């Protein structure tokens, strides 16, 4: 959804790509500590949206999504050569780096014509998967959505050094909000399947090898 008065600075818009993927499944990969390279090998050939620093593990993904300006500023070495779509809801990042701007609202659940942020990049990336797809979409598969710390670490790559890291309370809040996303997608006949190896999400979980 585009809003008036957004001509300065000039922006490139993610919604130019909405509805472009005529696929029945999309995989969204976040940065939870249980994510493994074995998981990544199994999803090769699928449509993949990668979140934040996980682009380091999946440089061949179709889309890189990150919502924070500071992440884009401090991790240019990770994304500068990325060949897929680069998307953010942070207008300053979109303008500064010529990244696709996805208009979003600070709401929970599924945004039908724009992103609902849900408080975290993972939530937004799932919503983006829905927006990019046609009505053929039947599954959104989650990987790296641990929503919990493991051995004191919030991510497979350890803690961000120059950007913020989620608190345990924030992770719990995000997990609760994913339940609303699950219900909204289910009402549209789309299965949100959690294939994360170790996860605090309460939505239905299946081993990745049973899905792909």
N, C-alpha and C. Protein backbone atom coordinates (compact mmCIF):
# COMPACT_ATOMS: atom_id res chain seq x y z
N UNK A 1 0.85 -1.19 0.00
CA UNK A 1 0.00 0.00 0.00
C UNK A 1 0.88 1.24 0.00
N UNK A 2 0.64 2.13 -0.94
CA UNK A 2 1.44 3.32 -1.03
C UNK A 2 0.67 4.50 -0.45
N UNK A 3 1.39 5.36 0.19
CA UNK A 3 0.76 6.54 0.79
C UNK A 3 1.29 7.79 0.10
N UNK A 4 0.46 8.83 0.09
CA UNK A 4 0.84 10.08 -0.55
C UNK A 4 2.00 10.74 0.17
N UNK A 5 2.70 11.61 -0.55
CA UNK A 5 3.79 12.35 0.06
C UNK A 5 5.08 11.59 0.19
N UNK A 6 5.23 10.46 -0.51
CA UNK A 6 6.44 9.66 -0.38
C UNK A 6 7.33 9.81 -1.61
N UNK A 7 7.35 11.01 -2.20
CA UNK A 7 8.17 11.22 -3.38
C UNK A 7 9.59 11.67 -3.06
N UNK A 8 9.80 12.13 -1.83
CA UNK A 8 11.14 12.59 -1.45
C UNK A 8 11.49 12.02 -0.08
N UNK A 9 12.52 11.18 0.05
CA UNK A 9 13.37 10.72 -1.05
C UNK A 9 12.66 9.69 -1.92
N UNK A 10 13.11 9.50 -3.17
CA UNK A 10 12.48 8.51 -4.04
C UNK A 10 12.67 7.11 -3.49
N UNK A 11 11.66 6.29 -3.64
CA UNK A 11 11.70 4.94 -3.10
C UNK A 11 11.34 3.93 -4.19
N UNK A 12 11.87 2.73 -4.04
CA UNK A 12 11.45 1.59 -4.83
C UNK A 12 10.52 0.76 -3.94
N UNK A 13 9.43 0.26 -4.50
CA UNK A 13 8.38 -0.33 -3.68
C UNK A 13 8.31 -1.85 -3.82
N UNK A 14 8.21 -2.51 -2.67
CA UNK A 14 8.08 -3.97 -2.67
C UNK A 14 6.76 -4.41 -3.28
N UNK A 15 5.71 -3.58 -3.18
CA UNK A 15 4.42 -4.04 -3.66
C UNK A 15 4.37 -4.18 -5.19
N UNK A 16 5.39 -3.71 -5.88
CA UNK A 16 5.48 -3.99 -7.31
C UNK A 16 5.66 -5.49 -7.57
N UNK A 17 6.08 -6.23 -6.54
CA UNK A 17 6.33 -7.67 -6.67
C UNK A 17 5.25 -8.52 -6.00
N UNK A 18 4.30 -7.89 -5.35
CA UNK A 18 3.26 -8.66 -4.66
C UNK A 18 2.43 -9.45 -5.68
N UNK A 19 2.17 -10.71 -5.34
CA UNK A 19 1.42 -11.58 -6.22
C UNK A 19 2.21 -12.15 -7.38
N UNK A 20 3.55 -12.02 -7.32
CA UNK A 20 4.39 -12.45 -8.45
C UNK A 20 4.79 -13.92 -8.38
N UNK A 21 4.72 -14.53 -7.20
CA UNK A 21 5.19 -15.90 -7.04
C UNK A 21 4.02 -16.88 -7.16
N UNK A 22 3.94 -17.58 -8.26
CA UNK A 22 2.87 -18.57 -8.47
C UNK A 22 3.38 -19.93 -8.01
N UNK A 23 3.47 -20.09 -6.69
CA UNK A 23 3.99 -21.31 -6.07
C UNK A 23 3.04 -21.76 -4.98
N UNK A 24 3.14 -23.04 -4.61
CA UNK A 24 2.28 -23.54 -3.54
C UNK A 24 2.97 -23.56 -2.19
N UNK A 25 4.30 -23.27 -2.16
CA UNK A 25 5.02 -23.30 -0.89
C UNK A 25 6.14 -22.26 -0.88
N UNK A 26 6.31 -21.62 0.27
CA UNK A 26 7.42 -20.69 0.50
C UNK A 26 8.03 -21.03 1.84
N UNK A 27 9.36 -21.00 1.91
CA UNK A 27 10.09 -21.25 3.15
C UNK A 27 10.63 -19.93 3.69
N UNK A 28 10.38 -19.66 4.96
CA UNK A 28 10.89 -18.46 5.62
C UNK A 28 11.89 -18.90 6.68
N UNK A 29 13.10 -18.37 6.61
CA UNK A 29 14.17 -18.82 7.50
C UNK A 29 14.65 -17.66 8.37
N UNK A 30 14.44 -17.78 9.67
CA UNK A 30 14.91 -16.80 10.63
C UNK A 30 16.26 -17.25 11.20
N UNK A 31 16.66 -16.67 12.32
CA UNK A 31 18.04 -16.85 12.80
C UNK A 31 18.16 -17.60 14.12
N UNK A 32 17.15 -18.41 14.46
CA UNK A 32 17.19 -19.13 15.72
C UNK A 32 18.40 -20.04 15.86
N UNK A 33 18.83 -20.29 17.09
CA UNK A 33 20.07 -21.04 17.32
C UNK A 33 20.04 -22.50 16.91
N UNK A 34 18.85 -23.07 16.67
CA UNK A 34 18.82 -24.49 16.28
C UNK A 34 18.95 -24.69 14.77
N UNK A 35 18.99 -23.62 13.99
CA UNK A 35 19.12 -23.74 12.54
C UNK A 35 20.44 -24.40 12.18
N UNK A 36 20.40 -25.35 11.23
CA UNK A 36 21.60 -26.07 10.83
C UNK A 36 21.80 -26.00 9.31
N UNK A 37 23.02 -26.28 8.88
CA UNK A 37 23.30 -26.31 7.45
C UNK A 37 22.62 -27.50 6.78
N UNK A 38 22.33 -28.54 7.54
CA UNK A 38 21.57 -29.67 7.00
C UNK A 38 20.16 -29.22 6.60
N UNK A 39 19.54 -28.38 7.44
CA UNK A 39 18.23 -27.82 7.10
C UNK A 39 18.32 -27.02 5.81
N UNK A 40 19.34 -26.20 5.71
CA UNK A 40 19.51 -25.32 4.56
C UNK A 40 19.68 -26.14 3.28
N UNK A 41 20.42 -27.23 3.33
CA UNK A 41 20.60 -28.08 2.15
C UNK A 41 19.27 -28.65 1.68
N UNK A 42 18.40 -28.97 2.62
CA UNK A 42 17.13 -29.60 2.26
C UNK A 42 16.18 -28.63 1.56
N UNK A 43 16.29 -27.34 1.82
CA UNK A 43 15.35 -26.39 1.23
C UNK A 43 15.85 -25.82 -0.10
N UNK A 44 17.00 -26.24 -0.54
CA UNK A 44 17.52 -25.76 -1.83
C UNK A 44 16.53 -26.11 -2.93
N UNK A 45 16.19 -25.16 -3.74
CA UNK A 45 15.23 -25.37 -4.81
C UNK A 45 13.85 -24.84 -4.49
N UNK A 46 13.61 -24.52 -3.20
CA UNK A 46 12.34 -23.90 -2.80
C UNK A 46 12.43 -22.38 -2.93
N UNK A 47 11.28 -21.73 -2.93
CA UNK A 47 11.26 -20.27 -2.80
C UNK A 47 11.58 -19.94 -1.35
N UNK A 48 12.59 -19.10 -1.13
CA UNK A 48 13.08 -18.88 0.23
C UNK A 48 13.19 -17.39 0.53
N UNK A 49 12.64 -17.00 1.68
CA UNK A 49 12.84 -15.67 2.25
C UNK A 49 13.73 -15.83 3.47
N UNK A 50 14.83 -15.11 3.51
CA UNK A 50 15.77 -15.21 4.61
C UNK A 50 15.72 -13.92 5.43
N UNK A 51 15.87 -14.06 6.74
CA UNK A 51 15.75 -12.92 7.65
C UNK A 51 17.12 -12.54 8.20
N UNK A 52 17.46 -11.26 8.07
CA UNK A 52 18.65 -10.69 8.70
C UNK A 52 19.93 -11.47 8.36
N UNK A 53 20.75 -11.75 9.38
CA UNK A 53 22.09 -12.29 9.19
C UNK A 53 22.10 -13.72 8.66
N UNK A 54 20.95 -14.38 8.63
CA UNK A 54 20.90 -15.72 8.06
C UNK A 54 21.19 -15.71 6.56
N UNK A 55 21.22 -14.54 5.95
CA UNK A 55 21.67 -14.45 4.57
C UNK A 55 23.10 -14.96 4.43
N UNK A 56 23.87 -14.92 5.51
CA UNK A 56 25.23 -15.44 5.48
C UNK A 56 25.23 -16.95 5.24
N UNK A 57 24.22 -17.65 5.74
CA UNK A 57 24.10 -19.09 5.55
C UNK A 57 23.38 -19.44 4.25
N UNK A 58 22.51 -18.52 3.79
CA UNK A 58 21.70 -18.79 2.60
C UNK A 58 21.83 -17.63 1.62
N UNK A 59 23.01 -17.44 1.03
CA UNK A 59 23.21 -16.31 0.12
C UNK A 59 22.45 -16.43 -1.19
N UNK A 60 21.90 -17.63 -1.46
CA UNK A 60 21.16 -17.87 -2.69
C UNK A 60 19.65 -17.69 -2.53
N UNK A 61 19.19 -17.22 -1.37
CA UNK A 61 17.75 -17.04 -1.13
C UNK A 61 17.14 -16.09 -2.16
N UNK A 62 15.83 -16.15 -2.30
CA UNK A 62 15.13 -15.28 -3.25
C UNK A 62 14.92 -13.88 -2.70
N UNK A 63 14.74 -13.78 -1.38
CA UNK A 63 14.47 -12.49 -0.74
C UNK A 63 15.24 -12.40 0.57
N UNK A 64 15.82 -11.23 0.82
CA UNK A 64 16.39 -10.90 2.13
C UNK A 64 15.51 -9.85 2.76
N UNK A 65 15.00 -10.15 3.97
CA UNK A 65 14.18 -9.18 4.68
C UNK A 65 14.85 -8.81 6.00
N UNK A 66 14.94 -7.53 6.27
CA UNK A 66 15.40 -7.01 7.57
C UNK A 66 14.67 -5.70 7.82
N UNK A 67 14.23 -5.49 9.03
CA UNK A 67 13.39 -4.30 9.29
C UNK A 67 14.16 -3.13 9.87
N UNK A 68 15.38 -3.34 10.38
CA UNK A 68 16.06 -2.27 11.11
C UNK A 68 17.14 -1.58 10.27
N UNK A 69 17.10 -0.25 10.27
CA UNK A 69 18.11 0.53 9.56
C UNK A 69 19.52 0.16 10.02
N UNK A 70 19.71 0.00 11.34
CA UNK A 70 21.06 -0.29 11.85
C UNK A 70 21.59 -1.61 11.31
N UNK A 71 20.72 -2.59 11.12
CA UNK A 71 21.20 -3.87 10.57
C UNK A 71 21.74 -3.64 9.16
N UNK A 72 21.01 -2.91 8.33
CA UNK A 72 21.47 -2.65 6.97
C UNK A 72 22.78 -1.86 6.99
N UNK A 73 22.90 -0.91 7.90
CA UNK A 73 24.11 -0.09 7.97
C UNK A 73 25.33 -0.88 8.40
N UNK A 74 25.16 -1.77 9.38
CA UNK A 74 26.32 -2.45 9.97
C UNK A 74 26.64 -3.80 9.33
N UNK A 75 25.82 -4.23 8.38
CA UNK A 75 26.04 -5.54 7.76
C UNK A 75 26.09 -5.47 6.24
N UNK A 76 26.54 -4.36 5.73
CA UNK A 76 26.59 -4.20 4.28
C UNK A 76 27.47 -5.26 3.62
N UNK A 77 28.47 -5.72 4.33
CA UNK A 77 29.34 -6.77 3.78
C UNK A 77 28.58 -8.07 3.53
N UNK A 78 27.47 -8.28 4.24
CA UNK A 78 26.68 -9.50 4.06
C UNK A 78 25.69 -9.39 2.91
N UNK A 79 25.15 -8.20 2.68
CA UNK A 79 24.05 -8.09 1.72
C UNK A 79 24.39 -7.36 0.43
N UNK A 80 25.51 -6.69 0.37
CA UNK A 80 25.80 -5.86 -0.81
C UNK A 80 25.77 -6.66 -2.10
N UNK A 81 26.29 -7.89 -2.10
CA UNK A 81 26.34 -8.70 -3.31
C UNK A 81 25.16 -9.66 -3.44
N UNK A 82 24.19 -9.56 -2.56
CA UNK A 82 23.02 -10.43 -2.61
C UNK A 82 22.24 -10.18 -3.90
N UNK A 83 21.90 -11.25 -4.61
CA UNK A 83 21.29 -11.12 -5.93
C UNK A 83 19.76 -11.14 -5.92
N UNK A 84 19.16 -11.52 -4.79
CA UNK A 84 17.70 -11.56 -4.71
C UNK A 84 17.12 -10.19 -4.37
N UNK A 85 15.82 -10.17 -4.06
CA UNK A 85 15.16 -8.94 -3.64
C UNK A 85 15.58 -8.59 -2.21
N UNK A 86 15.87 -7.33 -1.98
CA UNK A 86 16.19 -6.84 -0.63
C UNK A 86 15.03 -5.95 -0.19
N UNK A 87 14.41 -6.30 0.94
CA UNK A 87 13.18 -5.64 1.36
C UNK A 87 13.27 -5.20 2.81
N UNK A 88 12.69 -4.03 3.11
CA UNK A 88 12.62 -3.52 4.48
C UNK A 88 11.37 -2.67 4.65
N UNK A 89 10.94 -2.52 5.90
CA UNK A 89 9.85 -1.56 6.15
C UNK A 89 10.42 -0.26 6.72
N UNK A 90 11.75 -0.22 6.91
CA UNK A 90 12.41 0.99 7.41
C UNK A 90 12.64 1.94 6.23
N UNK A 91 11.84 2.98 6.15
CA UNK A 91 11.94 3.90 5.02
C UNK A 91 13.33 4.53 4.90
N UNK A 92 14.01 4.90 6.01
CA UNK A 92 15.36 5.45 5.88
C UNK A 92 16.34 4.47 5.24
N UNK A 93 16.21 3.18 5.56
CA UNK A 93 17.08 2.17 4.96
C UNK A 93 16.77 2.02 3.47
N UNK A 94 15.48 2.02 3.13
CA UNK A 94 15.08 1.88 1.73
C UNK A 94 15.64 3.02 0.90
N UNK A 95 15.58 4.23 1.44
CA UNK A 95 16.06 5.40 0.71
C UNK A 95 17.58 5.43 0.63
N UNK A 96 18.24 5.11 1.73
CA UNK A 96 19.70 5.21 1.79
C UNK A 96 20.38 4.18 0.90
N UNK A 97 19.83 2.96 0.85
CA UNK A 97 20.51 1.88 0.14
C UNK A 97 19.76 1.40 -1.11
N UNK A 98 18.69 2.08 -1.49
CA UNK A 98 17.88 1.68 -2.64
C UNK A 98 17.35 0.27 -2.47
N UNK A 99 16.83 0.00 -1.28
CA UNK A 99 16.21 -1.29 -0.94
C UNK A 99 14.70 -1.15 -1.13
N UNK A 100 14.04 -2.22 -1.49
CA UNK A 100 12.59 -2.17 -1.69
C UNK A 100 11.88 -1.83 -0.37
N UNK A 101 11.00 -0.86 -0.43
CA UNK A 101 10.26 -0.42 0.74
C UNK A 101 8.90 -1.12 0.81
N UNK A 102 8.64 -1.79 1.92
CA UNK A 102 7.36 -2.46 2.14
C UNK A 102 6.59 -1.69 3.22
N UNK A 103 5.52 -1.04 2.83
CA UNK A 103 4.72 -0.31 3.80
C UNK A 103 4.15 -1.28 4.84
N UNK A 104 4.25 -0.90 6.12
CA UNK A 104 3.76 -1.77 7.18
C UNK A 104 3.01 -1.01 8.26
N UNK A 105 2.21 -1.76 9.00
CA UNK A 105 1.45 -1.23 10.12
C UNK A 105 1.86 -1.95 11.39
N UNK A 106 1.89 -1.24 12.50
CA UNK A 106 2.25 -1.85 13.78
C UNK A 106 1.04 -2.58 14.35
N UNK A 107 0.70 -3.67 13.68
CA UNK A 107 -0.45 -4.48 14.08
C UNK A 107 -0.06 -5.95 14.10
N UNK A 108 -0.90 -6.75 14.75
CA UNK A 108 -0.66 -8.19 14.83
C UNK A 108 -1.44 -8.91 13.73
N UNK A 109 -1.17 -10.20 13.62
CA UNK A 109 -1.89 -11.00 12.64
C UNK A 109 -1.43 -10.71 11.22
N UNK A 110 -2.22 -11.16 10.25
CA UNK A 110 -1.85 -11.09 8.84
C UNK A 110 -2.34 -9.81 8.19
N UNK A 111 -1.44 -9.07 7.58
CA UNK A 111 -1.82 -7.94 6.75
C UNK A 111 -2.17 -8.43 5.37
N UNK A 112 -3.36 -8.10 4.89
CA UNK A 112 -3.82 -8.62 3.59
C UNK A 112 -3.31 -7.82 2.40
N UNK A 113 -3.00 -6.51 2.62
CA UNK A 113 -2.48 -5.71 1.51
C UNK A 113 -1.20 -4.97 1.86
N UNK A 114 -0.74 -5.11 3.11
CA UNK A 114 0.52 -4.52 3.55
C UNK A 114 1.02 -5.33 4.75
N UNK A 115 2.28 -5.11 5.14
CA UNK A 115 2.84 -5.86 6.26
C UNK A 115 2.19 -5.47 7.57
N UNK A 116 1.94 -6.46 8.42
CA UNK A 116 1.70 -6.23 9.84
C UNK A 116 2.99 -6.61 10.55
N UNK A 117 3.52 -5.71 11.33
CA UNK A 117 4.87 -5.92 11.84
C UNK A 117 4.94 -6.99 12.92
N UNK A 118 3.95 -7.06 13.80
CA UNK A 118 3.97 -8.07 14.85
C UNK A 118 5.13 -7.95 15.82
N UNK A 119 5.93 -6.89 15.68
CA UNK A 119 7.01 -6.64 16.62
C UNK A 119 8.37 -7.17 16.19
N UNK A 120 8.42 -8.03 15.16
CA UNK A 120 9.70 -8.63 14.81
C UNK A 120 9.84 -8.94 13.33
N UNK A 121 11.08 -9.08 12.88
CA UNK A 121 11.36 -9.33 11.47
C UNK A 121 10.78 -10.65 10.98
N UNK A 122 10.79 -11.68 11.84
CA UNK A 122 10.25 -12.97 11.44
C UNK A 122 8.78 -12.89 11.08
N UNK A 123 8.01 -12.19 11.91
CA UNK A 123 6.58 -11.99 11.66
C UNK A 123 6.38 -11.29 10.33
N UNK A 124 7.15 -10.24 10.10
CA UNK A 124 7.02 -9.47 8.86
C UNK A 124 7.39 -10.32 7.64
N UNK A 125 8.41 -11.16 7.78
CA UNK A 125 8.84 -11.99 6.66
C UNK A 125 7.76 -13.01 6.29
N UNK A 126 7.05 -13.53 7.28
CA UNK A 126 5.94 -14.45 7.00
C UNK A 126 4.83 -13.71 6.26
N UNK A 127 4.52 -12.51 6.72
CA UNK A 127 3.50 -11.71 6.04
C UNK A 127 3.93 -11.39 4.61
N UNK A 128 5.23 -11.11 4.43
CA UNK A 128 5.75 -10.84 3.10
C UNK A 128 5.59 -12.04 2.18
N UNK A 129 5.81 -13.24 2.72
CA UNK A 129 5.62 -14.45 1.92
C UNK A 129 4.20 -14.51 1.37
N UNK A 130 3.23 -14.21 2.21
CA UNK A 130 1.83 -14.21 1.78
C UNK A 130 1.60 -13.17 0.67
N UNK A 131 2.17 -11.99 0.85
CA UNK A 131 1.95 -10.91 -0.12
C UNK A 131 2.61 -11.19 -1.46
N UNK A 132 3.74 -11.86 -1.45
CA UNK A 132 4.45 -12.14 -2.69
C UNK A 132 3.78 -13.23 -3.53
N UNK A 133 2.97 -14.06 -2.88
CA UNK A 133 2.41 -15.24 -3.54
C UNK A 133 1.05 -14.96 -4.19
N UNK A 134 0.70 -15.84 -5.12
CA UNK A 134 -0.66 -15.84 -5.69
C UNK A 134 -1.57 -16.68 -4.78
N UNK A 135 -2.80 -16.83 -5.19
CA UNK A 135 -3.76 -17.63 -4.43
C UNK A 135 -3.43 -19.12 -4.45
N UNK A 136 -2.45 -19.49 -5.24
CA UNK A 136 -2.02 -20.90 -5.28
C UNK A 136 -1.32 -21.31 -3.99
N UNK A 137 -0.81 -20.37 -3.22
CA UNK A 137 -0.03 -20.68 -2.01
C UNK A 137 -0.83 -21.52 -1.02
N UNK A 138 -0.21 -22.63 -0.57
CA UNK A 138 -0.86 -23.53 0.39
C UNK A 138 -0.03 -23.74 1.65
N UNK A 139 1.28 -23.51 1.60
CA UNK A 139 2.14 -23.74 2.75
C UNK A 139 3.17 -22.63 2.91
N UNK A 140 3.37 -22.21 4.15
CA UNK A 140 4.53 -21.40 4.51
C UNK A 140 5.27 -22.18 5.58
N UNK A 141 6.50 -22.55 5.28
CA UNK A 141 7.31 -23.38 6.16
C UNK A 141 8.28 -22.49 6.93
N UNK A 142 8.35 -22.69 8.25
CA UNK A 142 9.23 -21.91 9.11
C UNK A 142 10.45 -22.71 9.53
N UNK A 143 11.61 -22.08 9.43
CA UNK A 143 12.86 -22.62 9.96
C UNK A 143 13.55 -21.51 10.76
N UNK A 144 14.25 -21.90 11.81
CA UNK A 144 14.98 -20.92 12.60
C UNK A 144 14.09 -20.03 13.45
N UNK A 145 12.86 -20.42 13.67
CA UNK A 145 11.93 -19.68 14.52
C UNK A 145 11.93 -20.30 15.92
N UNK A 146 13.08 -20.29 16.57
CA UNK A 146 13.20 -20.89 17.90
C UNK A 146 12.38 -20.13 18.94
N UNK A 147 12.39 -18.82 18.86
CA UNK A 147 11.69 -17.96 19.82
C UNK A 147 12.12 -18.24 21.26
N UNK A 148 13.38 -18.64 21.41
CA UNK A 148 13.94 -18.91 22.73
C UNK A 148 15.47 -18.92 22.63
N UNK A 149 16.11 -18.69 23.76
CA UNK A 149 17.56 -18.75 23.82
C UNK A 149 18.02 -20.20 23.93
N UNK A 150 19.19 -20.48 23.40
CA UNK A 150 19.81 -21.79 23.55
C UNK A 150 21.26 -21.59 23.95
N UNK A 151 21.64 -22.13 25.08
CA UNK A 151 23.01 -21.97 25.60
C UNK A 151 23.39 -20.49 25.69
N UNK A 152 22.40 -19.68 26.06
CA UNK A 152 22.64 -18.25 26.25
C UNK A 152 22.67 -17.43 24.98
N UNK A 153 22.35 -18.06 23.84
CA UNK A 153 22.43 -17.36 22.56
C UNK A 153 21.04 -17.25 21.91
N UNK A 154 20.73 -16.06 21.33
CA UNK A 154 19.45 -15.90 20.65
C UNK A 154 19.46 -16.28 19.18
N UNK A 155 20.67 -16.42 18.58
CA UNK A 155 20.79 -16.69 17.16
C UNK A 155 21.83 -17.78 16.90
N UNK A 156 21.75 -18.40 15.74
CA UNK A 156 22.76 -19.42 15.38
C UNK A 156 24.14 -18.77 15.22
N UNK A 157 24.18 -17.50 14.90
CA UNK A 157 25.45 -16.80 14.69
C UNK A 157 25.90 -16.05 15.95
N UNK A 158 25.25 -16.31 17.08
CA UNK A 158 25.59 -15.59 18.30
C UNK A 158 24.85 -14.27 18.38
N UNK A 159 25.29 -13.39 19.23
CA UNK A 159 24.63 -12.10 19.42
C UNK A 159 25.09 -11.09 18.37
N UNK A 160 24.14 -10.25 17.95
CA UNK A 160 24.52 -9.10 17.14
C UNK A 160 25.44 -8.21 17.98
N UNK A 161 26.48 -7.70 17.36
CA UNK A 161 27.42 -6.87 18.10
C UNK A 161 27.11 -5.38 18.01
N UNK A 162 26.48 -4.97 16.92
CA UNK A 162 26.25 -3.54 16.73
C UNK A 162 24.78 -3.18 16.56
N UNK A 163 23.93 -4.19 16.65
CA UNK A 163 22.49 -3.96 16.65
C UNK A 163 21.89 -4.70 17.84
N UNK A 164 20.64 -4.43 18.12
CA UNK A 164 20.01 -4.97 19.33
C UNK A 164 19.74 -6.47 19.19
N UNK A 165 19.67 -7.13 20.35
CA UNK A 165 19.30 -8.54 20.44
C UNK A 165 17.99 -8.66 21.22
N UNK A 166 17.15 -9.63 20.87
CA UNK A 166 15.85 -9.74 21.56
C UNK A 166 16.01 -10.25 22.99
N UNK A 167 15.18 -9.72 23.86
CA UNK A 167 15.11 -10.25 25.22
C UNK A 167 14.24 -11.51 25.21
N UNK A 168 14.30 -12.28 26.28
CA UNK A 168 13.46 -13.47 26.36
C UNK A 168 11.99 -13.09 26.40
N UNK A 169 11.66 -11.96 27.01
CA UNK A 169 10.28 -11.49 27.04
C UNK A 169 9.80 -11.13 25.64
N UNK A 170 10.68 -10.50 24.86
CA UNK A 170 10.31 -10.15 23.49
C UNK A 170 10.07 -11.40 22.65
N UNK A 171 10.92 -12.40 22.82
CA UNK A 171 10.74 -13.64 22.07
C UNK A 171 9.41 -14.31 22.40
N UNK A 172 9.03 -14.30 23.67
CA UNK A 172 7.75 -14.88 24.06
C UNK A 172 6.58 -14.12 23.43
N UNK A 173 6.69 -12.79 23.42
CA UNK A 173 5.64 -11.96 22.82
C UNK A 173 5.52 -12.25 21.34
N UNK A 174 6.66 -12.38 20.66
CA UNK A 174 6.63 -12.68 19.23
C UNK A 174 6.03 -14.06 18.96
N UNK A 175 6.35 -15.01 19.83
CA UNK A 175 5.79 -16.36 19.66
C UNK A 175 4.27 -16.34 19.79
N UNK A 176 3.76 -15.58 20.76
CA UNK A 176 2.31 -15.47 20.94
C UNK A 176 1.65 -14.84 19.72
N UNK A 177 2.31 -13.86 19.13
CA UNK A 177 1.73 -13.18 17.98
C UNK A 177 1.74 -14.05 16.73
N UNK A 178 2.66 -15.00 16.66
CA UNK A 178 2.67 -15.91 15.53
C UNK A 178 1.45 -16.84 15.54
N UNK A 179 0.87 -17.06 16.72
CA UNK A 179 -0.36 -17.85 16.80
C UNK A 179 -1.48 -17.15 16.05
N UNK A 180 -1.56 -15.83 16.19
CA UNK A 180 -2.57 -15.07 15.46
C UNK A 180 -2.32 -15.14 13.96
N UNK A 181 -1.06 -15.07 13.56
CA UNK A 181 -0.72 -15.22 12.15
C UNK A 181 -1.15 -16.59 11.64
N UNK A 182 -0.88 -17.62 12.42
CA UNK A 182 -1.28 -18.98 12.06
C UNK A 182 -2.79 -19.07 11.82
N UNK A 183 -3.58 -18.50 12.73
CA UNK A 183 -5.04 -18.56 12.61
C UNK A 183 -5.53 -17.81 11.38
N UNK A 184 -4.94 -16.65 11.11
CA UNK A 184 -5.35 -15.88 9.95
C UNK A 184 -5.04 -16.61 8.65
N UNK A 185 -3.86 -17.21 8.57
CA UNK A 185 -3.49 -17.95 7.37
C UNK A 185 -4.36 -19.20 7.21
N UNK A 186 -4.64 -19.86 8.33
CA UNK A 186 -5.48 -21.06 8.30
C UNK A 186 -6.87 -20.74 7.74
N UNK A 187 -7.38 -19.58 8.07
CA UNK A 187 -8.71 -19.18 7.58
C UNK A 187 -8.72 -19.00 6.07
N UNK A 188 -7.53 -18.83 5.48
CA UNK A 188 -7.40 -18.68 4.03
C UNK A 188 -6.99 -19.99 3.36
N UNK A 189 -6.89 -21.06 4.14
CA UNK A 189 -6.49 -22.35 3.59
C UNK A 189 -5.00 -22.49 3.40
N UNK A 190 -4.22 -21.70 4.13
CA UNK A 190 -2.75 -21.75 4.04
C UNK A 190 -2.19 -22.31 5.34
N UNK A 191 -1.40 -23.38 5.24
CA UNK A 191 -0.79 -23.99 6.43
C UNK A 191 0.51 -23.29 6.78
N UNK A 192 0.60 -22.81 8.01
CA UNK A 192 1.86 -22.28 8.54
C UNK A 192 2.48 -23.40 9.35
N UNK A 193 3.57 -23.98 8.83
CA UNK A 193 4.14 -25.19 9.41
C UNK A 193 5.49 -24.86 10.03
N UNK A 194 5.63 -25.16 11.29
CA UNK A 194 6.88 -24.89 12.00
C UNK A 194 7.78 -26.11 11.91
N UNK A 195 8.84 -26.01 11.12
CA UNK A 195 9.82 -27.10 10.99
C UNK A 195 11.11 -26.80 11.74
N UNK A 196 11.09 -25.79 12.60
CA UNK A 196 12.25 -25.46 13.42
C UNK A 196 12.57 -26.63 14.34
N UNK A 197 13.86 -26.95 14.49
CA UNK A 197 14.27 -28.11 15.27
C UNK A 197 13.89 -27.98 16.75
N UNK A 198 14.12 -26.81 17.33
CA UNK A 198 13.79 -26.58 18.74
C UNK A 198 13.09 -25.25 18.83
N UNK A 199 11.82 -25.26 19.22
CA UNK A 199 11.03 -24.04 19.10
C UNK A 199 10.04 -23.88 20.25
N UNK A 200 9.87 -22.62 20.68
CA UNK A 200 8.87 -22.30 21.70
C UNK A 200 7.52 -21.94 21.06
N UNK A 201 7.45 -21.94 19.75
CA UNK A 201 6.17 -21.68 19.08
C UNK A 201 5.18 -22.79 19.38
N UNK A 202 3.94 -22.42 19.59
CA UNK A 202 2.91 -23.41 19.90
C UNK A 202 2.09 -23.81 18.69
N UNK A 203 2.40 -23.28 17.52
CA UNK A 203 1.70 -23.71 16.32
C UNK A 203 2.19 -25.10 15.92
N UNK A 204 1.40 -25.84 15.12
CA UNK A 204 1.78 -27.22 14.78
C UNK A 204 3.19 -27.32 14.21
N UNK A 205 3.92 -28.32 14.67
CA UNK A 205 5.29 -28.53 14.25
C UNK A 205 5.44 -29.88 13.56
N UNK A 206 6.27 -29.90 12.50
CA UNK A 206 6.57 -31.14 11.80
C UNK A 206 8.05 -31.17 11.50
N UNK A 207 8.66 -32.35 11.49
CA UNK A 207 10.06 -32.44 11.05
C UNK A 207 10.17 -32.00 9.59
N UNK A 208 11.23 -31.31 9.27
CA UNK A 208 11.40 -30.80 7.91
C UNK A 208 11.38 -31.91 6.87
N UNK A 209 11.97 -33.05 7.23
CA UNK A 209 12.03 -34.16 6.28
C UNK A 209 10.64 -34.74 5.97
N UNK A 210 9.64 -34.46 6.81
CA UNK A 210 8.28 -34.92 6.55
C UNK A 210 7.51 -33.96 5.66
N UNK A 211 8.06 -32.76 5.45
CA UNK A 211 7.38 -31.74 4.67
C UNK A 211 8.00 -31.56 3.29
N UNK A 212 9.33 -31.61 3.23
CA UNK A 212 10.05 -31.44 1.97
C UNK A 212 10.70 -32.76 1.53
